[in-house]
Amino acid sequence: MKQIKSLLFAAALFIGATSFTNAQSKVAHINVGELVTSMPEMKTAQAEMEQMGKTFETDIQEMMNEYKTKAKQYEAEAATKTNEDNQKRGEELAGMQQNIRQFQANAQQQLQQKELDLLEPITKKAKEAILKVAKAQGFDYVLDSSQGSGVIMAEGKDLLKDVQKELGF
């Protein structure tokens, strides 16, 4: 009987100690979105994306101008052409419209892929820095306090300045 009491007492102490150590978990937070946008690499990536977007925009505008010019020309000459010629010209204009839409869709896909390619190493670097700082400061959990991330209250330690320091800015 005494052994059972001792065993139960030891189990209760073990469970209590485990609960106490779990209750001592350290939690910090960081606004990952703010961190990533403040990184110098992000500014470079944004400039590259803007340049690529402007190039696509210029190309699309040139295609649209060519389409408008042909449409005006064909409309002006429509009375002097046969129905067969006008039909072929209409098909040509429809083909040009289709090419413009296809180019726009491809440009959008290329921009999205470029954005993913540029952001991946930046976010990886940020995550590695967050993990390094959190480990160095003894945190068990780091929550993302970005808008819409699910963190309602963030009064604990904010790692943003420490991680920015780790990244060298």
C-alpha atoms as a PDB file:
ATOM      1  CA  MET A   1       0.000   0.000   0.000  1.00  0.00           C
ATOM      2  CA  LYS A   2       2.822   2.359   0.920  1.00  0.00           C
ATOM      3  CA  GLN A   3       4.522   1.568  -2.414  1.00  0.00           C
ATOM      4  CA  ILE A   4       1.406   2.537  -4.351  1.00  0.00           C
ATOM      5  CA  LYS A   5       1.155   5.841  -2.461  1.00  0.00           C
ATOM      6  CA  SER A   6       4.825   6.546  -3.189  1.00  0.00           C
ATOM      7  CA  LEU A   7       4.363   5.650  -6.834  1.00  0.00           C
ATOM      8  CA  LEU A   8       1.289   7.889  -7.155  1.00  0.00           C
ATOM      9  CA  PHE A   9       3.116  10.715  -5.366  1.00  0.00           C
ATOM     10  CA  ALA A  10       6.107  10.368  -7.729  1.00  0.00           C
ATOM     11  CA  ALA A  11       3.804  10.305 -10.765  1.00  0.00           C
ATOM     12  CA  ALA A  12       1.997  13.425  -9.524  1.00  0.00           C
ATOM     13  CA  LEU A  13       5.334  15.207  -9.014  1.00  0.00           C
ATOM     14  CA  PHE A  14       6.486  14.172 -12.509  1.00  0.00           C
ATOM     15  CA  ILE A  15       3.276  15.383 -14.133  1.00  0.00           C
ATOM     16  CA  GLY A  16       3.406  18.626 -12.156  1.00  0.00           C
ATOM     17  CA  ALA A  17       7.021  19.257 -13.100  1.00  0.00           C
ATOM     18  CA  THR A  18       6.302  18.512 -16.754  1.00  0.00           C
ATOM     19  CA  SER A  19       3.325  20.864 -16.733  1.00  0.00           C
ATOM     20  CA  PHE A  20       5.401  23.553 -15.028  1.00  0.00           C
ATOM     21  CA  THR A  21       8.176  23.337 -17.618  1.00  0.00           C
ATOM     22  CA  ASN A  22       5.627  23.402 -20.436  1.00  0.00           C
ATOM     23  CA  ALA A  23       4.021  26.454 -18.887  1.00  0.00           C
ATOM     24  CA  GLN A  24       7.407  28.161 -19.052  1.00  0.00           C
ATOM     25  CA  SER A  25       7.524  28.021 -22.879  1.00  0.00           C
ATOM     26  CA  LYS A  26       8.697  31.326 -24.252  1.00  0.00           C
ATOM     27  CA  VAL A  27       6.691  32.874 -27.066  1.00  0.00           C
ATOM     28  CA  ALA A  28       7.663  35.804 -29.281  1.00  0.00           C
ATOM     29  CA  HIS A  29       6.112  37.383 -32.333  1.00  0.00           C
ATOM     30  CA  ILE A  30       7.272  39.091 -35.497  1.00  0.00           C
ATOM     31  CA  ASN A  31       5.512  40.800 -38.379  1.00  0.00           C
ATOM     32  CA  VAL A  32       7.008  38.715 -41.196  1.00  0.00           C
ATOM     33  CA  GLY A  33       5.422  40.884 -43.880  1.00  0.00           C
ATOM     34  CA  GLU A  34       7.026  44.012 -42.459  1.00  0.00           C
ATOM     35  CA  LEU A  35      10.368  42.228 -42.152  1.00  0.00           C
ATOM     36  CA  VAL A  36      10.345  40.986 -45.755  1.00  0.00           C
ATOM     37  CA  THR A  37       9.298  44.367 -47.188  1.00  0.00           C
ATOM     38  CA  SER A  38      12.058  46.107 -45.217  1.00  0.00           C
ATOM     39  CA  MET A  39      14.787  43.824 -46.584  1.00  0.00           C
ATOM     40  CA  PRO A  40      17.076  45.444 -49.205  1.00  0.00           C
ATOM     41  CA  GLU A  41      16.682  42.376 -51.445  1.00  0.00           C
ATOM     42  CA  MET A  42      12.950  43.052 -51.580  1.00  0.00           C
ATOM     43  CA  LYS A  43      13.486  46.563 -52.916  1.00  0.00           C
ATOM     44  CA  THR A  44      15.705  45.131 -55.666  1.00  0.00           C
ATOM     45  CA  ALA A  45      13.100  42.462 -56.465  1.00  0.00           C
ATOM     46  CA  GLN A  46      10.320  45.068 -56.636  1.00  0.00           C
ATOM     47  CA  ALA A  47      12.368  47.216 -59.012  1.00  0.00           C
ATOM     48  CA  GLU A  48      13.000  44.191 -61.226  1.00  0.00           C
ATOM     49  CA  MET A  49       9.295  43.315 -61.218  1.00  0.00           C
ATOM     50  CA  GLU A  50       8.330  46.892 -62.099  1.00  0.00           C
ATOM     51  CA  GLN A  51      10.801  46.926 -64.996  1.00  0.00           C
ATOM     52  CA  MET A  52       9.481  43.631 -66.317  1.00  0.00           C
ATOM     53  CA  GLY A  53       5.896  44.886 -65.986  1.00  0.00           C
ATOM     54  CA  LYS A  54       6.702  48.100 -67.863  1.00  0.00           C
ATOM     55  CA  THR A  55       8.306  46.101 -70.674  1.00  0.00           C
ATOM     56  CA  PHE A  56       5.199  43.945 -71.031  1.00  0.00           C
ATOM     57  CA  GLU A  57       2.977  47.017 -70.837  1.00  0.00           C
ATOM     58  CA  THR A  58       4.947  48.712 -73.642  1.00  0.00           C
ATOM     59  CA  ASP A  59       4.726  45.601 -75.821  1.00  0.00           C
ATOM     60  CA  ILE A  60       0.983  45.307 -75.262  1.00  0.00           C
ATOM     61  CA  GLN A  61       0.493  48.998 -76.033  1.00  0.00           C
ATOM     62  CA  GLU A  62       2.411  48.605 -79.315  1.00  0.00           C
ATOM     63  CA  MET A  63       0.263  45.627 -80.262  1.00  0.00           C
ATOM     64  CA  MET A  64      -2.908  47.576 -79.429  1.00  0.00           C
ATOM     65  CA  ASN A  65      -1.760  50.559 -81.518  1.00  0.00           C
ATOM     66  CA  GLU A  66      -1.022  48.280 -84.473  1.00  0.00           C
ATOM     67  CA  TYR A  67      -4.468  46.697 -84.106  1.00  0.00           C
ATOM     68  CA  LYS A  68      -6.208  50.112 -83.957  1.00  0.00           C
ATOM     69  CA  THR A  69      -4.298  51.375 -87.006  1.00  0.00           C
ATOM     70  CA  LYS A  70      -5.252  48.307 -89.070  1.00  0.00           C
ATOM     71  CA  ALA A  71      -8.854  48.460 -87.876  1.00  0.00           C
ATOM     72  CA  LYS A  72      -9.155  52.113 -88.970  1.00  0.00           C
ATOM     73  CA  GLN A  73      -7.493  51.364 -92.290  1.00  0.00           C
ATOM     74  CA  TYR A  74      -9.734  48.367 -92.975  1.00  0.00           C
ATOM     75  CA  GLU A  75     -12.826  50.314 -91.965  1.00  0.00           C
ATOM     76  CA  ALA A  76     -11.929  53.160 -94.318  1.00  0.00           C
ATOM     77  CA  GLU A  77     -11.286  50.744 -97.204  1.00  0.00           C
ATOM     78  CA  ALA A  78     -14.279  48.480 -96.505  1.00  0.00           C
ATOM     79  CA  ALA A  79     -16.520  50.142 -99.111  1.00  0.00           C
ATOM     80  CA  THR A  80     -13.965  49.551-101.873  1.00  0.00           C
ATOM     81  CA  LYS A  81     -13.316  45.882-101.024  1.00  0.00           C
ATOM     82  CA  THR A  82     -15.333  42.780-101.723  1.00  0.00           C
ATOM     83  CA  ASN A  83     -17.248  40.971 -99.030  1.00  0.00           C
ATOM     84  CA  GLU A  84     -14.687  38.171 -99.201  1.00  0.00           C
ATOM     85  CA  ASP A  85     -11.815  40.637 -98.638  1.00  0.00           C
ATOM     86  CA  ASN A  86     -13.672  42.310 -95.773  1.00  0.00           C
ATOM     87  CA  GLN A  87     -14.337  38.917 -94.181  1.00  0.00           C
ATOM     88  CA  LYS A  88     -10.625  37.989 -94.400  1.00  0.00           C
ATOM     89  CA  ARG A  89      -9.703  41.337 -92.891  1.00  0.00           C
ATOM     90  CA  GLY A  90     -12.199  40.796 -90.064  1.00  0.00           C
ATOM     91  CA  GLU A  91     -10.660  37.399 -89.380  1.00  0.00           C
ATOM     92  CA  GLU A  92      -7.207  38.994 -89.384  1.00  0.00           C
ATOM     93  CA  LEU A  93      -8.352  41.584 -86.836  1.00  0.00           C
ATOM     94  CA  ALA A  94      -9.949  38.863 -84.686  1.00  0.00           C
ATOM     95  CA  GLY A  95      -6.661  36.947 -84.822  1.00  0.00           C
ATOM     96  CA  MET A  96      -4.785  40.050 -83.733  1.00  0.00           C
ATOM     97  CA  GLN A  97      -7.172  40.481 -80.784  1.00  0.00           C
ATOM     98  CA  GLN A  98      -6.648  36.847 -79.821  1.00  0.00           C
ATOM     99  CA  ASN A  99      -2.853  37.296 -80.006  1.00  0.00           C
ATOM    100  CA  ILE A 100      -3.058  40.352 -77.754  1.00  0.00           C
ATOM    101  CA  ARG A 101      -5.156  38.476 -75.170  1.00  0.00           C
ATOM    102  CA  GLN A 102      -2.783  35.499 -75.322  1.00  0.00           C
ATOM    103  CA  PHE A 103       0.228  37.780 -74.878  1.00  0.00           C
ATOM    104  CA  GLN A 104      -1.415  39.459 -71.875  1.00  0.00           C
ATOM    105  CA  ALA A 105      -2.136  36.080 -70.267  1.00  0.00           C
ATOM    106  CA  ASN A 106       1.422  34.870 -70.873  1.00  0.00           C
ATOM    107  CA  ALA A 107       2.838  38.126 -69.518  1.00  0.00           C
ATOM    108  CA  GLN A 108       0.747  37.749 -66.357  1.00  0.00           C
ATOM    109  CA  GLN A 109       1.971  34.180 -65.869  1.00  0.00           C
ATOM    110  CA  GLN A 110       5.587  35.211 -66.413  1.00  0.00           C
ATOM    111  CA  LEU A 111       5.222  38.049 -63.909  1.00  0.00           C
ATOM    112  CA  GLN A 112       3.742  35.708 -61.304  1.00  0.00           C
ATOM    113  CA  GLN A 113       6.486  33.139 -61.840  1.00  0.00           C
ATOM    114  CA  LYS A 114       9.181  35.821 -61.643  1.00  0.00           C
ATOM    115  CA  GLU A 115       7.679  37.101 -58.406  1.00  0.00           C
ATOM    116  CA  LEU A 116       7.754  33.602 -56.908  1.00  0.00           C
ATOM    117  CA  ASP A 117      11.339  33.086 -58.064  1.00  0.00           C
ATOM    118  CA  LEU A 118      12.439  36.411 -56.571  1.00  0.00           C
ATOM    119  CA  LEU A 119      10.548  36.022 -53.265  1.00  0.00           C
ATOM    120  CA  GLU A 120      11.613  32.468 -52.463  1.00  0.00           C
ATOM    121  CA  PRO A 121      15.235  33.234 -51.487  1.00  0.00           C
ATOM    122  CA  ILE A 122      14.166  36.402 -49.642  1.00  0.00           C
ATOM    123  CA  THR A 123      11.587  34.623 -47.487  1.00  0.00           C
ATOM    124  CA  LYS A 124      13.999  31.736 -46.907  1.00  0.00           C
ATOM    125  CA  LYS A 125      16.665  34.165 -45.670  1.00  0.00           C
ATOM    126  CA  ALA A 126      14.120  35.891 -43.404  1.00  0.00           C
ATOM    127  CA  LYS A 127      12.947  32.567 -41.940  1.00  0.00           C
ATOM    128  CA  GLU A 128      16.514  31.439 -41.265  1.00  0.00           C
ATOM    129  CA  ALA A 129      17.265  34.728 -39.494  1.00  0.00           C
ATOM    130  CA  ILE A 130      14.078  34.470 -37.427  1.00  0.00           C
ATOM    131  CA  LEU A 131      14.958  30.937 -36.363  1.00  0.00           C
ATOM    132  CA  LYS A 132      18.538  31.950 -35.490  1.00  0.00           C
ATOM    133  CA  VAL A 133      17.444  34.928 -33.377  1.00  0.00           C
ATOM    134  CA  ALA A 134      14.653  32.961 -31.684  1.00  0.00           C
ATOM    135  CA  LYS A 135      17.024  30.129 -30.765  1.00  0.00           C
ATOM    136  CA  ALA A 136      19.666  32.538 -29.514  1.00  0.00           C
ATOM    137  CA  GLN A 137      17.107  34.255 -27.287  1.00  0.00           C
ATOM    138  CA  GLY A 138      15.590  30.978 -26.069  1.00  0.00           C
ATOM    139  CA  PHE A 139      12.140  31.218 -27.609  1.00  0.00           C
ATOM    140  CA  ASP A 140      10.152  28.018 -28.138  1.00  0.00           C
ATOM    141  CA  TYR A 141       7.545  29.566 -30.432  1.00  0.00           C
ATOM    142  CA  VAL A 142       7.521  32.536 -32.788  1.00  0.00           C
ATOM    143  CA  LEU A 143       4.158  33.692 -34.092  1.00  0.00           C
ATOM    144  CA  ASP A 144       3.622  35.736 -37.248  1.00  0.00           C
ATOM    145  CA  SER A 145       1.835  38.930 -36.207  1.00  0.00           C
ATOM    146  CA  SER A 146       1.207  40.127 -39.777  1.00  0.00           C
ATOM    147  CA  GLN A 147      -2.279  41.432 -40.541  1.00  0.00           C
ATOM    148  CA  GLY A 148      -4.658  38.499 -41.016  1.00  0.00           C
ATOM    149  CA  SER A 149      -2.257  35.876 -39.665  1.00  0.00           C
ATOM    150  CA  GLY A 150      -4.521  34.866 -36.812  1.00  0.00           C
ATOM    151  CA  VAL A 151      -2.601  36.494 -33.942  1.00  0.00           C
ATOM    152  CA  ILE A 152      -5.130  38.542 -32.016  1.00  0.00           C
ATOM    153  CA  MET A 153      -2.843  40.012 -29.389  1.00  0.00           C
ATOM    154  CA  ALA A 154       0.916  40.380 -29.586  1.00  0.00           C
ATOM    155  CA  GLU A 155       2.265  41.800 -26.345  1.00  0.00           C
ATOM    156  CA  GLY A 156       5.207  39.435 -26.031  1.00  0.00           C
ATOM    157  CA  LYS A 157       8.705  40.002 -27.315  1.00  0.00           C
ATOM    158  CA  ASP A 158       8.781  41.465 -30.850  1.00  0.00           C
ATOM    159  CA  LEU A 159      11.746  40.035 -32.734  1.00  0.00           C
ATOM    160  CA  LEU A 160      11.544  42.409 -35.735  1.00  0.00           C
ATOM    161  CA  LYS A 161      14.405  44.721 -34.695  1.00  0.00           C
ATOM    162  CA  ASP A 162      16.595  41.799 -33.593  1.00  0.00           C
ATOM    163  CA  VAL A 163      16.067  39.928 -36.872  1.00  0.00           C
ATOM    164  CA  GLN A 164      16.709  43.081 -38.913  1.00  0.00           C
ATOM    165  CA  LYS A 165      19.956  43.503 -36.952  1.00  0.00           C
ATOM    166  CA  GLU A 166      20.855  39.884 -37.680  1.00  0.00           C
ATOM    167  CA  LEU A 167      20.267  40.528 -41.398  1.00  0.00           C
ATOM    168  CA  GLY A 168      22.488  43.596 -41.224  1.00  0.00           C
ATOM    169  CA  PHE A 169      20.053  46.463 -41.701  1.00  0.00           C
END
